[in-house]
PDB file of N, CA and C in Angstrom:
ATOM      1  N   ALA A   1     118.319 109.575  60.193  1.00  0.00           N
ATOM      2  CA  ALA A   1     118.255 110.065  58.829  1.00  0.00           C
ATOM      3  C   ALA A   1     117.463 111.366  58.800  1.00  0.00           C
ATOM      4  N   ALA A   2     117.907 112.288  58.006  1.00  0.00           N
ATOM      5  CA  ALA A   2     117.228 113.579  57.896  1.00  0.00           C
ATOM      6  C   ALA A   2     116.019 113.435  56.985  1.00  0.00           C
ATOM      7  N   HIS A   3     114.977 114.160  57.314  1.00  0.00           N
ATOM      8  CA  HIS A   3     113.765 114.124  56.523  1.00  0.00           C
ATOM      9  C   HIS A   3     113.468 115.513  55.995  1.00  0.00           C
ATOM     10  N   SER A   4     112.996 115.595  54.778  1.00  0.00           N
ATOM     11  CA  SER A   4     112.612 116.873  54.195  1.00  0.00           C
ATOM     12  C   SER A   4     111.363 117.387  54.884  1.00  0.00           C
ATOM     13  N   SER A   5     111.265 118.694  55.014  1.00  0.00           N
ATOM     14  CA  SER A   5     110.073 119.265  55.632  1.00  0.00           C
ATOM     15  C   SER A   5     109.267 120.066  54.613  1.00  0.00           C
ATOM     16  N   THR A   6     109.244 119.594  53.374  1.00  0.00           N
ATOM     17  CA  THR A   6     108.485 120.258  52.332  1.00  0.00           C
ATOM     18  C   THR A   6     107.005 120.120  52.626  1.00  0.00           C
ATOM     19  N   HIS A   7     106.290 121.243  52.577  1.00  0.00           N
ATOM     20  CA  HIS A   7     104.847 121.192  52.749  1.00  0.00           C
ATOM     21  C   HIS A   7     104.205 122.393  52.069  1.00  0.00           C
ATOM     22  N   LEU A   8     103.065 122.151  51.486  1.00  0.00           N
ATOM     23  CA  LEU A   8     102.255 123.192  50.870  1.00  0.00           C
ATOM     24  C   LEU A   8     100.865 123.067  51.450  1.00  0.00           C
ATOM     25  N   HIS A   9     100.193 124.184  51.602  1.00  0.00           N
ATOM     26  CA  HIS A   9      98.831 124.108  52.109  1.00  0.00           C
ATOM     27  C   HIS A   9      98.051 125.341  51.679  1.00  0.00           C
ATOM     28  N   THR A  10      96.736 125.204  51.673  1.00  0.00           N
ATOM     29  CA  THR A  10      95.868 126.346  51.427  1.00  0.00           C
ATOM     30  C   THR A  10      95.312 126.773  52.763  1.00  0.00           C
ATOM     31  N   LYS A  11      95.085 128.062  52.905  1.00  0.00           N
ATOM     32  CA  LYS A  11      94.561 128.570  54.175  1.00  0.00           C
ATOM     33  C   LYS A  11      93.047 128.434  54.253  1.00  0.00           C
ATOM     34  N   ALA A  12      92.332 128.743  53.175  1.00  0.00           N
ATOM     35  CA  ALA A  12      90.876 128.758  53.242  1.00  0.00           C
ATOM     36  C   ALA A  12      90.232 127.750  52.314  1.00  0.00           C
ATOM     37  N   GLY A  13      90.967 127.162  51.411  1.00  0.00           N
ATOM     38  CA  GLY A  13      90.388 126.187  50.496  1.00  0.00           C
ATOM     39  C   GLY A  13      89.898 126.810  49.208  1.00  0.00           C
ATOM     40  N   SER A  14      89.198 127.916  49.290  1.00  0.00           N
ATOM     41  CA  SER A  14      88.706 128.590  48.100  1.00  0.00           C
ATOM     42  C   SER A  14      88.529 130.068  48.404  1.00  0.00           C
ATOM     43  N   VAL A  15      88.259 130.841  47.370  1.00  0.00           N
ATOM     44  CA  VAL A  15      88.049 132.278  47.542  1.00  0.00           C
ATOM     45  C   VAL A  15      86.885 132.537  48.488  1.00  0.00           C
ATOM     46  N   SER A  16      85.859 131.691  48.427  1.00  0.00           N
ATOM     47  CA  SER A  16      84.687 131.884  49.282  1.00  0.00           C
ATOM     48  C   SER A  16      84.939 131.429  50.725  1.00  0.00           C
ATOM     49  N   GLY A  17      86.079 130.758  50.957  1.00  0.00           N
ATOM     50  CA  GLY A  17      86.399 130.292  52.304  1.00  0.00           C
ATOM     51  C   GLY A  17      85.874 128.903  52.606  1.00  0.00           C
ATOM     52  N   THR A  18      85.275 128.254  51.623  1.00  0.00           N
ATOM     53  CA  THR A  18      84.775 126.894  51.818  1.00  0.00           C
ATOM     54  C   THR A  18      85.768 125.907  51.218  1.00  0.00           C
ATOM     55  N   HIS A  19      85.716 124.689  51.676  1.00  0.00           N
ATOM     56  CA  HIS A  19      86.617 123.649  51.160  1.00  0.00           C
ATOM     57  C   HIS A  19      86.180 123.252  49.763  1.00  0.00           C
ATOM     58  N   VAL A  20      87.139 123.222  48.851  1.00  0.00           N
ATOM     59  CA  VAL A  20      86.867 122.800  47.484  1.00  0.00           C
ATOM     60  C   VAL A  20      87.396 121.387  47.333  1.00  0.00           C
ATOM     61  N   THR A  21      86.543 120.472  46.909  1.00  0.00           N
ATOM     62  CA  THR A  21      86.997 119.097  46.722  1.00  0.00           C
ATOM     63  C   THR A  21      87.588 118.942  45.334  1.00  0.00           C
ATOM     64  N   ASP A  22      88.443 117.953  45.206  1.00  0.00           N
ATOM     65  CA  ASP A  22      89.046 117.618  43.929  1.00  0.00           C
ATOM     66  C   ASP A  22      89.723 118.825  43.288  1.00  0.00           C
ATOM     67  N   GLU A  23      90.844 119.238  43.846  1.00  0.00           N
ATOM     68  CA  GLU A  23      91.586 120.393  43.369  1.00  0.00           C
ATOM     69  C   GLU A  23      92.792 119.920  42.562  1.00  0.00           C
ATOM     70  N   PRO A  24      92.601 119.536  41.296  1.00  0.00           N
ATOM     71  CA  PRO A  24      93.692 118.907  40.551  1.00  0.00           C
ATOM     72  C   PRO A  24      94.932 119.792  40.380  1.00  0.00           C
ATOM     73  N   GLU A  25      94.784 121.089  40.178  1.00  0.00           N
ATOM     74  CA  GLU A  25      95.957 121.949  40.008  1.00  0.00           C
ATOM     75  C   GLU A  25      96.770 122.023  41.298  1.00  0.00           C
ATOM     76  N   PHE A  26      96.092 122.198  42.423  1.00  0.00           N
ATOM     77  CA  PHE A  26      96.780 122.246  43.711  1.00  0.00           C
ATOM     78  C   PHE A  26      97.436 120.895  44.002  1.00  0.00           C
ATOM     79  N   TYR A  27      96.690 119.804  43.825  1.00  0.00           N
ATOM     80  CA  TYR A  27      97.231 118.476  44.080  1.00  0.00           C
ATOM     81  C   TYR A  27      98.433 118.194  43.176  1.00  0.00           C
ATOM     82  N   SER A  28      98.372 118.636  41.928  1.00  0.00           N
ATOM     83  CA  SER A  28      99.482 118.447  40.999  1.00  0.00           C
ATOM     84  C   SER A  28     100.725 119.177  41.494  1.00  0.00           C
ATOM     85  N   ASP A  29     100.555 120.414  41.956  1.00  0.00           N
ATOM     86  CA  ASP A  29     101.685 121.185  42.490  1.00  0.00           C
ATOM     87  C   ASP A  29     102.300 120.495  43.704  1.00  0.00           C
ATOM     88  N   VAL A  30     101.451 120.017  44.599  1.00  0.00           N
ATOM     89  CA  VAL A  30     101.947 119.338  45.804  1.00  0.00           C
ATOM     90  C   VAL A  30     102.645 118.040  45.411  1.00  0.00           C
ATOM     91  N   ALA A  31     102.051 117.282  44.496  1.00  0.00           N
ATOM     92  CA  ALA A  31     102.640 116.014  44.058  1.00  0.00           C
ATOM     93  C   ALA A  31     104.037 116.242  43.480  1.00  0.00           C
ATOM     94  N   LYS A  32     104.197 117.273  42.665  1.00  0.00           N
ATOM     95  CA  LYS A  32     105.508 117.581  42.089  1.00  0.00           C
ATOM     96  C   LYS A  32     106.494 117.969  43.187  1.00  0.00           C
ATOM     97  N   SER A  33     106.026 118.701  44.169  1.00  0.00           N
ATOM     98  CA  SER A  33     106.881 119.170  45.250  1.00  0.00           C
ATOM     99  C   SER A  33     107.413 118.021  46.105  1.00  0.00           C
ATOM    100  N   VAL A  34     106.592 117.021  46.365  1.00  0.00           N
ATOM    101  CA  VAL A  34     107.000 115.926  47.254  1.00  0.00           C
ATOM    102  C   VAL A  34     107.564 114.719  46.512  1.00  0.00           C
ATOM    103  N   ALA A  35     107.564 114.752  45.179  1.00  0.00           N
ATOM    104  CA  ALA A  35     107.986 113.593  44.393  1.00  0.00           C
ATOM    105  C   ALA A  35     109.429 113.175  44.658  1.00  0.00           C
ATOM    106  N   VAL A  36     110.261 114.098  45.110  1.00  0.00           N
ATOM    107  CA  VAL A  36     111.675 113.783  45.347  1.00  0.00           C
ATOM    108  C   VAL A  36     111.907 113.140  46.711  1.00  0.00           C
ATOM    109  N   ASN A  37     110.916 113.132  47.572  1.00  0.00           N
ATOM    110  CA  ASN A  37     111.075 112.600  48.928  1.00  0.00           C
ATOM    111  C   ASN A  37     110.982 111.084  48.947  1.00  0.00           C
ATOM    112  N   GLN A  38     111.798 110.460  49.812  1.00  0.00           N
ATOM    113  CA  GLN A  38     111.770 109.009  49.944  1.00  0.00           C
ATOM    114  C   GLN A  38     110.524 108.533  50.664  1.00  0.00           C
ATOM    115  N   LYS A  39     110.116 109.283  51.687  1.00  0.00           N
ATOM    116  CA  LYS A  39     108.928 108.937  52.467  1.00  0.00           C
ATOM    117  C   LYS A  39     108.076 110.194  52.612  1.00  0.00           C
ATOM    118  N   ILE A  40     106.772 109.994  52.559  1.00  0.00           N
ATOM    119  CA  ILE A  40     105.852 111.125  52.591  1.00  0.00           C
ATOM    120  C   ILE A  40     104.811 110.903  53.687  1.00  0.00           C
ATOM    121  N   LEU A  41     104.622 111.924  54.503  1.00  0.00           N
ATOM    122  CA  LEU A  41     103.560 111.935  55.503  1.00  0.00           C
ATOM    123  C   LEU A  41     102.519 112.930  55.026  1.00  0.00           C
ATOM    124  N   VAL A  42     101.297 112.467  54.813  1.00  0.00           N
ATOM    125  CA  VAL A  42     100.218 113.326  54.346  1.00  0.00           C
ATOM    126  C   VAL A  42      99.403 113.787  55.548  1.00  0.00           C
ATOM    127  N   LEU A  43      99.379 115.101  55.763  1.00  0.00           N
ATOM    128  CA  LEU A  43      98.615 115.694  56.854  1.00  0.00           C
ATOM    129  C   LEU A  43      97.556 116.598  56.267  1.00  0.00           C
ATOM    130  N   GLY A  44      96.377 116.602  56.862  1.00  0.00           N
ATOM    131  CA  GLY A  44      95.350 117.504  56.363  1.00  0.00           C
ATOM    132  C   GLY A  44      94.055 117.369  57.118  1.00  0.00           C
ATOM    133  N   PRO A  45      93.174 118.331  56.867  1.00  0.00           N
ATOM    134  CA  PRO A  45      91.872 118.313  57.525  1.00  0.00           C
ATOM    135  C   PRO A  45      90.891 117.394  56.804  1.00  0.00           C
ATOM    136  N   SER A  46      89.893 116.977  57.503  1.00  0.00           N
ATOM    137  CA  SER A  46      88.747 116.205  56.997  1.00  0.00           C
ATOM    138  C   SER A  46      89.104 115.328  55.812  1.00  0.00           C
ATOM    139  N   SER A  47      88.471 115.530  54.679  1.00  0.00           N
ATOM    140  CA  SER A  47      88.667 114.647  53.530  1.00  0.00           C
ATOM    141  C   SER A  47      89.799 115.087  52.610  1.00  0.00           C
ATOM    142  N   ALA A  48      90.405 116.243  52.846  1.00  0.00           N
ATOM    143  CA  ALA A  48      91.442 116.758  51.943  1.00  0.00           C
ATOM    144  C   ALA A  48      92.601 115.786  51.790  1.00  0.00           C
ATOM    145  N   LYS A  49      93.045 115.205  52.895  1.00  0.00           N
ATOM    146  CA  LYS A  49      94.181 114.288  52.823  1.00  0.00           C
ATOM    147  C   LYS A  49      93.825 113.037  52.024  1.00  0.00           C
ATOM    148  N   THR A  50      92.621 112.545  52.203  1.00  0.00           N
ATOM    149  CA  THR A  50      92.181 111.353  51.468  1.00  0.00           C
ATOM    150  C   THR A  50      92.047 111.653  49.980  1.00  0.00           C
ATOM    151  N   GLU A  51      91.535 112.827  49.649  1.00  0.00           N
ATOM    152  CA  GLU A  51      91.416 113.225  48.243  1.00  0.00           C
ATOM    153  C   GLU A  51      92.800 113.305  47.589  1.00  0.00           C
ATOM    154  N   PHE A  52      93.772 113.846  48.336  1.00  0.00           N
ATOM    155  CA  PHE A  52      95.127 113.947  47.795  1.00  0.00           C
ATOM    156  C   PHE A  52      95.739 112.563  47.588  1.00  0.00           C
ATOM    157  N   VAL A  53      95.537 111.669  48.536  1.00  0.00           N
ATOM    158  CA  VAL A  53      96.061 110.305  48.394  1.00  0.00           C
ATOM    159  C   VAL A  53      95.443 109.631  47.173  1.00  0.00           C
ATOM    160  N   ARG A  54      94.144 109.808  46.967  1.00  0.00           N
ATOM    161  CA  ARG A  54      93.488 109.247  45.771  1.00  0.00           C
ATOM    162  C   ARG A  54      94.062 109.867  44.494  1.00  0.00           C
ATOM    163  N   TYR A  55      94.333 111.174  44.538  1.00  0.00           N
ATOM    164  CA  TYR A  55      94.934 111.842  43.382  1.00  0.00           C
ATOM    165  C   TYR A  55      96.284 111.199  43.056  1.00  0.00           C
ATOM    166  N   LEU A  56      97.120 111.009  44.087  1.00  0.00           N
ATOM    167  CA  LEU A  56      98.426 110.397  43.863  1.00  0.00           C
ATOM    168  C   LEU A  56      98.301 108.991  43.306  1.00  0.00           C
ATOM    169  N   GLU A  57      97.378 108.223  43.852  1.00  0.00           N
ATOM    170  CA  GLU A  57      97.182 106.850  43.391  1.00  0.00           C
ATOM    171  C   GLU A  57      96.879 106.815  41.893  1.00  0.00           C
ATOM    172  N   LYS A  58      96.085 107.754  41.431  1.00  0.00           N
ATOM    173  CA  LYS A  58      95.671 107.784  40.030  1.00  0.00           C
ATOM    174  C   LYS A  58      96.694 108.459  39.120  1.00  0.00           C
ATOM    175  N   HIS A  59      97.277 109.573  39.564  1.00  0.00           N
ATOM    176  CA  HIS A  59      98.102 110.400  38.683  1.00  0.00           C
ATOM    177  C   HIS A  59      99.609 110.308  38.938  1.00  0.00           C
ATOM    178  N   ALA A  60     100.016 109.809  40.087  1.00  0.00           N
ATOM    179  CA  ALA A  60     101.439 109.723  40.420  1.00  0.00           C
ATOM    180  C   ALA A  60     101.696 108.480  41.264  1.00  0.00           C
ATOM    181  N   PRO A  61     101.523 107.296  40.682  1.00  0.00           N
ATOM    182  CA  PRO A  61     101.639 106.064  41.465  1.00  0.00           C
ATOM    183  C   PRO A  61     103.007 105.853  42.124  1.00  0.00           C
ATOM    184  N   GLN A  62     104.092 106.345  41.500  1.00  0.00           N
ATOM    185  CA  GLN A  62     105.414 106.189  42.119  1.00  0.00           C
ATOM    186  C   GLN A  62     105.495 107.014  43.404  1.00  0.00           C
ATOM    187  N   THR A  63     104.886 108.186  43.406  1.00  0.00           N
ATOM    188  CA  THR A  63     104.863 109.026  44.598  1.00  0.00           C
ATOM    189  C   THR A  63     103.919 108.413  45.634  1.00  0.00           C
ATOM    190  N   HIS A  64     102.787 107.912  45.202  1.00  0.00           N
ATOM    191  CA  HIS A  64     101.823 107.272  46.093  1.00  0.00           C
ATOM    192  C   HIS A  64     102.478 106.122  46.859  1.00  0.00           C
ATOM    193  N   ALA A  65     103.334 105.375  46.193  1.00  0.00           N
ATOM    194  CA  ALA A  65     103.985 104.225  46.815  1.00  0.00           C
ATOM    195  C   ALA A  65     104.905 104.626  47.967  1.00  0.00           C
ATOM    196  N   ARG A  66     105.301 105.886  48.035  1.00  0.00           N
ATOM    197  CA  ARG A  66     106.212 106.343  49.093  1.00  0.00           C
ATOM    198  C   ARG A  66     105.487 106.990  50.273  1.00  0.00           C
ATOM    199  N   ILE A  67     104.164 106.902  50.311  1.00  0.00           N
ATOM    200  CA  ILE A  67     103.415 107.444  51.445  1.00  0.00           C
ATOM    201  C   ILE A  67     103.681 106.569  52.667  1.00  0.00           C
ATOM    202  N   ALA A  68     104.227 107.188  53.698  1.00  0.00           N
ATOM    203  CA  ALA A  68     104.536 106.467  54.936  1.00  0.00           C
ATOM    204  C   ALA A  68     103.363 106.483  55.895  1.00  0.00           C
ATOM    205  N   GLY A  69     102.515 107.509  55.794  1.00  0.00           N
ATOM    206  CA  GLY A  69     101.394 107.616  56.703  1.00  0.00           C
ATOM    207  C   GLY A  69     100.479 108.762  56.322  1.00  0.00           C
ATOM    208  N   VAL A  70      99.277 108.711  56.875  1.00  0.00           N
ATOM    209  CA  VAL A  70      98.262 109.746  56.664  1.00  0.00           C
ATOM    210  C   VAL A  70      97.675 110.062  58.029  1.00  0.00           C
ATOM    211  N   ALA A  71      97.609 111.355  58.369  1.00  0.00           N
ATOM    212  CA  ALA A  71      97.089 111.740  59.683  1.00  0.00           C
ATOM    213  C   ALA A  71      96.227 112.994  59.577  1.00  0.00           C
ATOM    214  N   ALA A  72      95.201 113.041  60.401  1.00  0.00           N
ATOM    215  CA  ALA A  72      94.314 114.204  60.452  1.00  0.00           C
ATOM    216  C   ALA A  72      94.976 115.324  61.241  1.00  0.00           C
ATOM    217  N   MET A  73      95.016 116.497  60.659  1.00  0.00           N
ATOM    218  CA  MET A  73      95.560 117.686  61.327  1.00  0.00           C
ATOM    219  C   MET A  73      94.778 118.877  60.794  1.00  0.00           C
ATOM    220  N   ASP A  74      94.375 119.745  61.679  1.00  0.00           N
ATOM    221  CA  ASP A  74      93.601 120.903  61.256  1.00  0.00           C
ATOM    222  C   ASP A  74      94.159 122.162  61.896  1.00  0.00           C
ATOM    223  N   ARG A  75      94.307 123.190  61.120  1.00  0.00           N
ATOM    224  CA  ARG A  75      94.712 124.520  61.592  1.00  0.00           C
ATOM    225  C   ARG A  75      95.991 124.505  62.418  1.00  0.00           C
ATOM    226  N   MET A  76      97.042 124.034  61.798  1.00  0.00           N
ATOM    227  CA  MET A  76      98.336 123.997  62.464  1.00  0.00           C
ATOM    228  C   MET A  76      99.273 125.000  61.809  1.00  0.00           C
ATOM    229  N   THR A  77     100.176 125.546  62.597  1.00  0.00           N
ATOM    230  CA  THR A  77     101.179 126.454  62.058  1.00  0.00           C
ATOM    231  C   THR A  77     102.217 125.642  61.294  1.00  0.00           C
ATOM    232  N   ASP A  78     103.017 126.321  60.496  1.00  0.00           N
ATOM    233  CA  ASP A  78     104.085 125.632  59.772  1.00  0.00           C
ATOM    234  C   ASP A  78     105.019 124.920  60.745  1.00  0.00           C
ATOM    235  N   ASN A  79     105.366 125.567  61.850  1.00  0.00           N
ATOM    236  CA  ASN A  79     106.251 124.942  62.841  1.00  0.00           C
ATOM    237  C   ASN A  79     105.620 123.697  63.453  1.00  0.00           C
ATOM    238  N   GLN A  80     104.315 123.721  63.702  1.00  0.00           N
ATOM    239  CA  GLN A  80     103.634 122.553  64.258  1.00  0.00           C
ATOM    240  C   GLN A  80     103.611 121.411  63.243  1.00  0.00           C
ATOM    241  N   ILE A  81     103.448 121.732  61.971  1.00  0.00           N
ATOM    242  CA  ILE A  81     103.457 120.712  60.916  1.00  0.00           C
ATOM    243  C   ILE A  81     104.828 120.045  60.845  1.00  0.00           C
ATOM    244  N   VAL A  82     105.878 120.844  60.864  1.00  0.00           N
ATOM    245  CA  VAL A  82     107.236 120.298  60.831  1.00  0.00           C
ATOM    246  C   VAL A  82     107.499 119.436  62.065  1.00  0.00           C
ATOM    247  N   ALA A  83     107.082 119.909  63.231  1.00  0.00           N
ATOM    248  CA  ALA A  83     107.271 119.148  64.470  1.00  0.00           C
ATOM    249  C   ALA A  83     106.535 117.816  64.406  1.00  0.00           C
ATOM    250  N   GLU A  84     105.331 117.813  63.872  1.00  0.00           N
ATOM    251  CA  GLU A  84     104.571 116.563  63.760  1.00  0.00           C
ATOM    252  C   GLU A  84     105.262 115.600  62.803  1.00  0.00           C
ATOM    253  N   GLY A  85     105.782 116.108  61.695  1.00  0.00           N
ATOM    254  CA  GLY A  85     106.520 115.256  60.763  1.00  0.00           C
ATOM    255  C   GLY A  85     107.744 114.638  61.410  1.00  0.00           C
ATOM    256  N   ARG A  86     108.484 115.443  62.138  1.00  0.00           N
ATOM    257  CA  ARG A  86     109.681 114.932  62.832  1.00  0.00           C
ATOM    258  C   ARG A  86     109.291 113.882  63.870  1.00  0.00           C
ATOM    259  N   ARG A  87     108.233 114.139  64.639  1.00  0.00           N
ATOM    260  CA  ARG A  87     107.774 113.187  65.647  1.00  0.00           C
ATOM    261  C   ARG A  87     107.355 111.876  64.996  1.00  0.00           C
ATOM    262  N   TYR A  88     106.571 111.979  63.933  1.00  0.00           N
ATOM    263  CA  TYR A  88     106.068 110.794  63.241  1.00  0.00           C
ATOM    264  C   TYR A  88     107.218 109.928  62.722  1.00  0.00           C
ATOM    265  N   PHE A  89     108.161 110.559  62.005  1.00  0.00           N
ATOM    266  CA  PHE A  89     109.239 109.775  61.411  1.00  0.00           C
ATOM    267  C   PHE A  89     110.223 109.256  62.455  1.00  0.00           C
ATOM    268  N   ALA A  90     110.437 109.990  63.541  1.00  0.00           N
ATOM    269  CA  ALA A  90     111.297 109.482  64.612  1.00  0.00           C
ATOM    270  C   ALA A  90     110.678 108.220  65.215  1.00  0.00           C
ATOM    271  N   GLN A  91     109.364 108.248  65.443  1.00  0.00           N
ATOM    272  CA  GLN A  91     108.677 107.083  65.993  1.00  0.00           C
ATOM    273  C   GLN A  91     108.696 105.932  64.992  1.00  0.00           C
ATOM    274  N   LYS A  92     108.431 106.214  63.729  1.00  0.00           N
ATOM    275  CA  LYS A  92     108.424 105.179  62.699  1.00  0.00           C
ATOM    276  C   LYS A  92     109.810 104.559  62.530  1.00  0.00           C
ATOM    277  N   ASP A  93     110.863 105.400  62.570  1.00  0.00           N
ATOM    278  CA  ASP A  93     112.229 104.894  62.447  1.00  0.00           C
ATOM    279  C   ASP A  93     112.581 103.942  63.583  1.00  0.00           C
ATOM    280  N   ARG A  94     112.095 104.241  64.793  1.00  0.00           N
ATOM    281  CA  ARG A  94     112.369 103.369  65.943  1.00  0.00           C
ATOM    282  C   ARG A  94     111.675 102.012  65.785  1.00  0.00           C
ATOM    283  N   MET A  95     110.580 101.982  65.053  1.00  0.00           N
ATOM    284  CA  MET A  95     109.812 100.742  64.899  1.00  0.00           C
ATOM    285  C   MET A  95     110.356  99.849  63.776  1.00  0.00           C
ATOM    286  N   GLU A  96     111.166 100.409  62.880  1.00  0.00           N
ATOM    287  CA  GLU A  96     111.701  99.627  61.762  1.00  0.00           C
ATOM    288  C   GLU A  96     112.941  98.858  62.211  1.00  0.00           C
ATOM    289  N   PRO A  97     113.169  97.681  61.653  1.00  0.00           N
ATOM    290  CA  PRO A  97     114.362  96.902  62.009  1.00  0.00           C
ATOM    291  C   PRO A  97     115.635  97.690  61.696  1.00  0.00           C
ATOM    292  N   GLN A  98     116.603  97.602  62.585  1.00  0.00           N
ATOM    293  CA  GLN A  98     117.866  98.298  62.395  1.00  0.00           C
ATOM    294  C   GLN A  98     118.760  97.481  61.465  1.00  0.00           C
ATOM    295  N   LYS A  99     119.461  98.191  60.577  1.00  0.00           N
ATOM    296  CA  LYS A  99     120.393  97.520  59.668  1.00  0.00           C
ATOM    297  C   LYS A  99     121.664  97.162  60.414  1.00  0.00           C
ATOM    298  N   SER A 100     122.178  95.985  60.127  1.00  0.00           N
ATOM    299  CA  SER A 100     123.408  95.533  60.760  1.00  0.00           C
ATOM    300  C   SER A 100     124.609  96.234  60.140  1.00  0.00           C
ATOM    301  N   GLY A 101     125.579  96.585  60.955  1.00  0.00           N
ATOM    302  CA  GLY A 101     126.777  97.261  60.470  1.00  0.00           C
ATOM    303  C   GLY A 101     127.811  96.325  59.895  1.00  0.00           C
ATOM    304  N   THR A 102     127.521  95.026  59.887  1.00  0.00           N
ATOM    305  CA  THR A 102     128.511  94.054  59.385  1.00  0.00           C
ATOM    306  C   THR A 102     128.215  93.629  58.003  1.00  0.00           C
TER     307      THR A 102
END
């Protein structure tokens, strides 16, 4: 099955270059972007991924329910992010029971 490779990220976190916690506008944009996906892999540095998952749980429970996994990733290129998503879902798909063709 094909998986969407939609991803949004901030490069520095804030104008000052420090990580800003609880970024509701950014989280809202990301939540809207991934809401159409059947399965979602949340990747991010340190606490950012956990903060986003908490945001989804509170503000977008239907999207939160489709989280397939959460993994720590820091300073990756867009191509590396896509590759990690493909690797993750290929491995997860192999672990799920196969549907019978009959």
